[in-house]
Amino acid sequence: MSNSILSQGHSVYAFEIDDVLFPRREYILQVYYLFANFVDYTEGTSRASSLVDFMKAAYERDEDNVGVDVVKETLAHFELPVSYLENFERLRANATLPLKLFLTPQAKLLFKEIIATGKVVTILTDGNPIEQLNKLKHIDWGEFTSYLSSLKVYFVQELRFRNINPIDYIGLEYGVKATDILVLRQLY
């Protein structure tokens, strides 16, 4: 797959974070775990495991439904106050994860090939900028750690809020045409 991506002749490769660098599932399940333990601690109960199992099952029924809807369903099921929604949103954006997130083998291979050919790797991510930046902080970059100082991150929501087209902006930053930029939104 990666050879066909590189053969397209692009000079800038903009990676999304979720389901490209690592499976989004790995982040959200850790957030569910942290949230369940927070609720347990706050309520003085010992049902964190049941809360996590319920949230995980709700997520697996609909993987596009990772946030507030899963938590609302969970809170209703366990008869917990809706006020926990705000805690969940805050935790989801700023969580200190118990486990590192690991780059997928596909992302590692593609990073290696792009870097070896002297082309540019960057991050272009949609979603809450605070949450997306938090995810980046929890990735174990392994052999790419030395490359991080030159890795630029662009947030779609911030650019659009400023009425800036993200692809045009990246093109200006790197001095290339929009057609020279390939946005990778899913690798597996």
C-alpha atoms as a PDB file:
ATOM      1  CA  MET A   1       0.000   0.000   0.000  1.00  0.00           C
ATOM      2  CA  SER A   2       2.686   2.501   0.970  1.00  0.00           C
ATOM      3  CA  ASN A   3       4.543   2.213  -2.346  1.00  0.00           C
ATOM      4  CA  SER A   4       1.354   3.135  -4.211  1.00  0.00           C
ATOM      5  CA  ILE A   5       0.898   6.168  -1.937  1.00  0.00           C
ATOM      6  CA  LEU A   6       4.478   7.320  -2.540  1.00  0.00           C
ATOM      7  CA  SER A   7       4.281   6.712  -6.280  1.00  0.00           C
ATOM      8  CA  GLN A   8       1.573   9.389  -6.576  1.00  0.00           C
ATOM      9  CA  GLY A   9       4.280  12.067  -6.530  1.00  0.00           C
ATOM     10  CA  HIS A  10       3.234  14.167  -3.551  1.00  0.00           C
ATOM     11  CA  SER A  11       5.832  16.122  -1.595  1.00  0.00           C
ATOM     12  CA  VAL A  12       3.885  16.655   1.651  1.00  0.00           C
ATOM     13  CA  TYR A  13       2.060  13.872   3.505  1.00  0.00           C
ATOM     14  CA  ALA A  14      -0.408  15.120   6.103  1.00  0.00           C
ATOM     15  CA  PHE A  15      -1.447  12.442   8.588  1.00  0.00           C
ATOM     16  CA  GLU A  16      -4.667  12.463  10.594  1.00  0.00           C
ATOM     17  CA  ILE A  17      -4.232  11.163  14.151  1.00  0.00           C
ATOM     18  CA  ASP A  18      -7.227   8.894  14.785  1.00  0.00           C
ATOM     19  CA  ASP A  19      -7.218   5.607  12.870  1.00  0.00           C
ATOM     20  CA  VAL A  20      -4.068   6.638  11.029  1.00  0.00           C
ATOM     21  CA  LEU A  21      -1.299   7.001  13.595  1.00  0.00           C
ATOM     22  CA  PHE A  22      -3.053   4.660  16.044  1.00  0.00           C
ATOM     23  CA  PRO A  23      -6.557   3.180  16.433  1.00  0.00           C
ATOM     24  CA  ARG A  24      -8.889   5.780  17.969  1.00  0.00           C
ATOM     25  CA  ARG A  25     -10.297   2.928  20.052  1.00  0.00           C
ATOM     26  CA  GLU A  26      -7.070   2.744  22.083  1.00  0.00           C
ATOM     27  CA  TYR A  27      -7.500   6.307  23.299  1.00  0.00           C
ATOM     28  CA  ILE A  28     -11.221   6.284  23.977  1.00  0.00           C
ATOM     29  CA  LEU A  29     -11.194   3.013  25.923  1.00  0.00           C
ATOM     30  CA  GLN A  30      -8.507   4.406  28.227  1.00  0.00           C
ATOM     31  CA  VAL A  31     -10.611   7.544  28.714  1.00  0.00           C
ATOM     32  CA  TYR A  32     -13.624   5.359  29.554  1.00  0.00           C
ATOM     33  CA  TYR A  33     -11.492   3.512  32.117  1.00  0.00           C
ATOM     34  CA  LEU A  34     -10.355   6.778  33.719  1.00  0.00           C
ATOM     35  CA  PHE A  35     -13.879   8.194  33.686  1.00  0.00           C
ATOM     36  CA  ALA A  36     -15.357   5.066  35.289  1.00  0.00           C
ATOM     37  CA  ASN A  37     -12.762   5.202  38.046  1.00  0.00           C
ATOM     38  CA  PHE A  38     -13.444   8.906  38.571  1.00  0.00           C
ATOM     39  CA  VAL A  39     -17.176   8.209  38.919  1.00  0.00           C
ATOM     40  CA  ASP A  40     -16.451   5.315  41.257  1.00  0.00           C
ATOM     41  CA  TYR A  41     -14.245   7.469  43.458  1.00  0.00           C
ATOM     42  CA  THR A  42     -16.707  10.364  43.459  1.00  0.00           C
ATOM     43  CA  GLU A  43     -19.735   8.185  44.174  1.00  0.00           C
ATOM     44  CA  GLY A  44     -17.929   5.971  46.668  1.00  0.00           C
ATOM     45  CA  THR A  45     -18.912   2.835  44.777  1.00  0.00           C
ATOM     46  CA  SER A  46     -17.045  -0.092  43.295  1.00  0.00           C
ATOM     47  CA  ARG A  47     -18.624  -0.512  39.891  1.00  0.00           C
ATOM     48  CA  ALA A  48     -15.943   0.966  37.631  1.00  0.00           C
ATOM     49  CA  SER A  49     -15.567  -2.366  35.859  1.00  0.00           C
ATOM     50  CA  SER A  50     -19.296  -2.475  35.085  1.00  0.00           C
ATOM     51  CA  LEU A  51     -19.209   1.127  33.847  1.00  0.00           C
ATOM     52  CA  VAL A  52     -16.263   0.397  31.545  1.00  0.00           C
ATOM     53  CA  ASP A  53     -17.898  -2.768  30.218  1.00  0.00           C
ATOM     54  CA  PHE A  54     -21.115  -0.861  29.503  1.00  0.00           C
ATOM     55  CA  MET A  55     -19.302   2.010  27.734  1.00  0.00           C
ATOM     56  CA  LYS A  56     -17.147  -0.396  25.750  1.00  0.00           C
ATOM     57  CA  ALA A  57     -20.241  -2.332  24.595  1.00  0.00           C
ATOM     58  CA  ALA A  58     -21.977   0.928  23.603  1.00  0.00           C
ATOM     59  CA  TYR A  59     -18.871   1.991  21.689  1.00  0.00           C
ATOM     60  CA  GLU A  60     -18.566  -1.353  19.906  1.00  0.00           C
ATOM     61  CA  ARG A  61     -22.205  -1.124  18.778  1.00  0.00           C
ATOM     62  CA  ASP A  62     -21.419   2.183  17.064  1.00  0.00           C
ATOM     63  CA  GLU A  63     -17.751   3.195  16.821  1.00  0.00           C
ATOM     64  CA  ASP A  64     -18.700   6.646  15.522  1.00  0.00           C
ATOM     65  CA  ASN A  65     -20.506   7.233  18.813  1.00  0.00           C
ATOM     66  CA  VAL A  66     -17.535   7.667  21.167  1.00  0.00           C
ATOM     67  CA  GLY A  67     -18.391  10.639  23.301  1.00  0.00           C
ATOM     68  CA  VAL A  68     -21.319  12.291  24.958  1.00  0.00           C
ATOM     69  CA  ASP A  69     -23.960   9.846  23.689  1.00  0.00           C
ATOM     70  CA  VAL A  70     -22.141   6.848  25.180  1.00  0.00           C
ATOM     71  CA  VAL A  71     -21.737   8.688  28.472  1.00  0.00           C
ATOM     72  CA  LYS A  72     -25.377   9.850  28.513  1.00  0.00           C
ATOM     73  CA  GLU A  73     -26.489   6.277  27.907  1.00  0.00           C
ATOM     74  CA  THR A  74     -24.147   5.062  30.659  1.00  0.00           C
ATOM     75  CA  LEU A  75     -25.272   7.687  33.152  1.00  0.00           C
ATOM     76  CA  ALA A  76     -28.931   6.880  32.480  1.00  0.00           C
ATOM     77  CA  HIS A  77     -28.328   3.140  32.777  1.00  0.00           C
ATOM     78  CA  PHE A  78     -26.490   3.485  36.105  1.00  0.00           C
ATOM     79  CA  GLU A  79     -28.800   6.270  37.336  1.00  0.00           C
ATOM     80  CA  LEU A  80     -25.970   8.767  37.722  1.00  0.00           C
ATOM     81  CA  PRO A  81     -26.252  12.573  37.503  1.00  0.00           C
ATOM     82  CA  VAL A  82     -25.979  14.184  34.071  1.00  0.00           C
ATOM     83  CA  SER A  83     -23.496  16.622  35.621  1.00  0.00           C
ATOM     84  CA  TYR A  84     -20.808  13.977  34.940  1.00  0.00           C
ATOM     85  CA  LEU A  85     -20.945  14.855  31.228  1.00  0.00           C
ATOM     86  CA  GLU A  86     -18.795  17.924  31.800  1.00  0.00           C
ATOM     87  CA  ASN A  87     -16.273  15.827  33.727  1.00  0.00           C
ATOM     88  CA  PHE A  88     -16.143  13.344  30.852  1.00  0.00           C
ATOM     89  CA  GLU A  89     -15.545  16.049  28.234  1.00  0.00           C
ATOM     90  CA  ARG A  90     -12.767  17.581  30.325  1.00  0.00           C
ATOM     91  CA  LEU A  91     -11.193  14.175  30.911  1.00  0.00           C
ATOM     92  CA  ARG A  92     -11.484  13.211  27.253  1.00  0.00           C
ATOM     93  CA  ALA A  93      -9.571  16.329  26.217  1.00  0.00           C
ATOM     94  CA  ASN A  94      -6.927  16.325  28.953  1.00  0.00           C
ATOM     95  CA  ALA A  95      -6.555  12.722  30.114  1.00  0.00           C
ATOM     96  CA  THR A  96      -3.245  11.450  31.364  1.00  0.00           C
ATOM     97  CA  LEU A  97      -3.429   7.965  29.948  1.00  0.00           C
ATOM     98  CA  PRO A  98      -2.255   4.968  31.944  1.00  0.00           C
ATOM     99  CA  LEU A  99      -0.803   3.357  28.795  1.00  0.00           C
ATOM    100  CA  LYS A 100       1.125   4.751  25.829  1.00  0.00           C
ATOM    101  CA  LEU A 101      -0.418   4.862  22.360  1.00  0.00           C
ATOM    102  CA  PHE A 102       1.633   3.081  19.715  1.00  0.00           C
ATOM    103  CA  LEU A 103       1.985   3.939  16.046  1.00  0.00           C
ATOM    104  CA  THR A 104       0.414   1.334  13.793  1.00  0.00           C
ATOM    105  CA  PRO A 105       2.804  -0.771  11.708  1.00  0.00           C
ATOM    106  CA  GLN A 106       1.349   0.880   8.578  1.00  0.00           C
ATOM    107  CA  ALA A 107       2.054   4.372   9.919  1.00  0.00           C
ATOM    108  CA  LYS A 108       5.609   3.408  10.931  1.00  0.00           C
ATOM    109  CA  LEU A 109       6.338   1.939   7.504  1.00  0.00           C
ATOM    110  CA  LEU A 110       4.933   4.937   5.686  1.00  0.00           C
ATOM    111  CA  PHE A 111       6.811   7.388   7.949  1.00  0.00           C
ATOM    112  CA  LYS A 112      10.074   5.538   7.203  1.00  0.00           C
ATOM    113  CA  GLU A 113       9.485   5.561   3.452  1.00  0.00           C
ATOM    114  CA  ILE A 114       8.441   9.217   3.310  1.00  0.00           C
ATOM    115  CA  ILE A 115      11.362  10.373   5.425  1.00  0.00           C
ATOM    116  CA  ALA A 116      13.808   8.211   3.426  1.00  0.00           C
ATOM    117  CA  THR A 117      12.697   9.893   0.195  1.00  0.00           C
ATOM    118  CA  GLY A 118      13.202  13.366   1.703  1.00  0.00           C
ATOM    119  CA  LYS A 119       9.536  14.240   1.592  1.00  0.00           C
ATOM    120  CA  VAL A 120       7.618  15.984   4.372  1.00  0.00           C
ATOM    121  CA  VAL A 121       5.518  14.356   7.079  1.00  0.00           C
ATOM    122  CA  THR A 122       3.095  16.586   8.935  1.00  0.00           C
ATOM    123  CA  ILE A 123      -0.047  16.200  11.026  1.00  0.00           C
ATOM    124  CA  LEU A 124      -3.391  17.638   9.884  1.00  0.00           C
ATOM    125  CA  THR A 125      -6.044  16.723  12.387  1.00  0.00           C
ATOM    126  CA  ASP A 126      -9.714  17.446  12.826  1.00  0.00           C
ATOM    127  CA  GLY A 127     -11.452  17.402  16.181  1.00  0.00           C
ATOM    128  CA  ASN A 128     -10.955  19.244  19.442  1.00  0.00           C
ATOM    129  CA  PRO A 129      -7.426  20.714  19.168  1.00  0.00           C
ATOM    130  CA  ILE A 130      -6.768  20.234  22.890  1.00  0.00           C
ATOM    131  CA  GLU A 131      -7.782  16.577  22.722  1.00  0.00           C
ATOM    132  CA  GLN A 132      -5.831  15.944  19.530  1.00  0.00           C
ATOM    133  CA  LEU A 133      -2.694  17.540  20.981  1.00  0.00           C
ATOM    134  CA  ASN A 134      -3.153  15.443  24.113  1.00  0.00           C
ATOM    135  CA  LYS A 135      -3.258  12.289  21.985  1.00  0.00           C
ATOM    136  CA  LEU A 136       0.003  13.281  20.298  1.00  0.00           C
ATOM    137  CA  LYS A 137       1.649  13.678  23.720  1.00  0.00           C
ATOM    138  CA  HIS A 138       0.740  10.088  24.615  1.00  0.00           C
ATOM    139  CA  ILE A 139       2.136   8.451  21.488  1.00  0.00           C
ATOM    140  CA  ASP A 140       5.278   6.381  21.849  1.00  0.00           C
ATOM    141  CA  TRP A 141       7.129   7.709  18.792  1.00  0.00           C
ATOM    142  CA  GLY A 142       9.948   5.183  19.161  1.00  0.00           C
ATOM    143  CA  GLU A 143      12.448   5.532  16.334  1.00  0.00           C
ATOM    144  CA  PHE A 144      10.773   8.768  15.151  1.00  0.00           C
ATOM    145  CA  THR A 145      11.401  10.685  18.374  1.00  0.00           C
ATOM    146  CA  SER A 146      14.305  12.608  16.832  1.00  0.00           C
ATOM    147  CA  TYR A 147      12.010  13.721  13.996  1.00  0.00           C
ATOM    148  CA  LEU A 148       9.478  15.313  16.380  1.00  0.00           C
ATOM    149  CA  SER A 149      11.262  18.657  16.625  1.00  0.00           C
ATOM    150  CA  SER A 150      10.577  19.253  12.923  1.00  0.00           C
ATOM    151  CA  LEU A 151       7.055  17.765  12.872  1.00  0.00           C
ATOM    152  CA  LYS A 152       4.414  20.455  12.383  1.00  0.00           C
ATOM    153  CA  VAL A 153       0.858  19.965  13.569  1.00  0.00           C
ATOM    154  CA  TYR A 154      -2.116  21.726  11.981  1.00  0.00           C
ATOM    155  CA  PHE A 155      -5.592  21.779  13.485  1.00  0.00           C
ATOM    156  CA  VAL A 156      -8.431  21.857  10.953  1.00  0.00           C
ATOM    157  CA  GLN A 157     -10.885  23.441  13.394  1.00  0.00           C
ATOM    158  CA  GLU A 158      -8.509  26.285  14.308  1.00  0.00           C
ATOM    159  CA  LEU A 159      -7.735  27.053  10.673  1.00  0.00           C
ATOM    160  CA  ARG A 160     -11.374  26.953   9.599  1.00  0.00           C
ATOM    161  CA  PHE A 161     -12.326  29.164  12.563  1.00  0.00           C
ATOM    162  CA  ARG A 162      -9.907  31.722  11.127  1.00  0.00           C
ATOM    163  CA  ASN A 163     -11.478  31.204   7.642  1.00  0.00           C
ATOM    164  CA  ILE A 164      -8.329  29.543   6.340  1.00  0.00           C
ATOM    165  CA  ASN A 165      -8.395  26.539   4.034  1.00  0.00           C
ATOM    166  CA  PRO A 166      -6.112  23.971   5.749  1.00  0.00           C
ATOM    167  CA  ILE A 167      -4.643  22.542   2.542  1.00  0.00           C
ATOM    168  CA  ASP A 168      -3.927  25.985   1.093  1.00  0.00           C
ATOM    169  CA  TYR A 169      -2.298  27.005   4.375  1.00  0.00           C
ATOM    170  CA  ILE A 170      -0.040  23.941   4.450  1.00  0.00           C
ATOM    171  CA  GLY A 171       0.836  24.571   0.822  1.00  0.00           C
ATOM    172  CA  LEU A 172       1.954  28.103   1.674  1.00  0.00           C
ATOM    173  CA  GLU A 173       3.933  26.843   4.690  1.00  0.00           C
ATOM    174  CA  TYR A 174       5.889  24.361   2.555  1.00  0.00           C
ATOM    175  CA  GLY A 175       5.904  26.298  -0.707  1.00  0.00           C
ATOM    176  CA  VAL A 176       3.969  23.667  -2.653  1.00  0.00           C
ATOM    177  CA  LYS A 177       0.703  23.509  -4.564  1.00  0.00           C
ATOM    178  CA  ALA A 178      -2.364  21.962  -2.929  1.00  0.00           C
ATOM    179  CA  THR A 179      -2.094  19.061  -5.381  1.00  0.00           C
ATOM    180  CA  ASP A 180       1.348  18.233  -3.933  1.00  0.00           C
ATOM    181  CA  ILE A 181      -0.235  17.500  -0.525  1.00  0.00           C
ATOM    182  CA  LEU A 182      -1.737  14.116   0.291  1.00  0.00           C
ATOM    183  CA  VAL A 183      -3.972  13.949   3.367  1.00  0.00           C
ATOM    184  CA  LEU A 184      -4.028  10.482   4.923  1.00  0.00           C
ATOM    185  CA  ARG A 185      -7.306  10.047   6.801  1.00  0.00           C
ATOM    186  CA  GLN A 186      -7.251   6.281   7.213  1.00  0.00           C
ATOM    187  CA  LEU A 187      -4.519   3.693   6.798  1.00  0.00           C
ATOM    188  CA  TYR A 188      -6.291   0.492   7.800  1.00  0.00           C
END
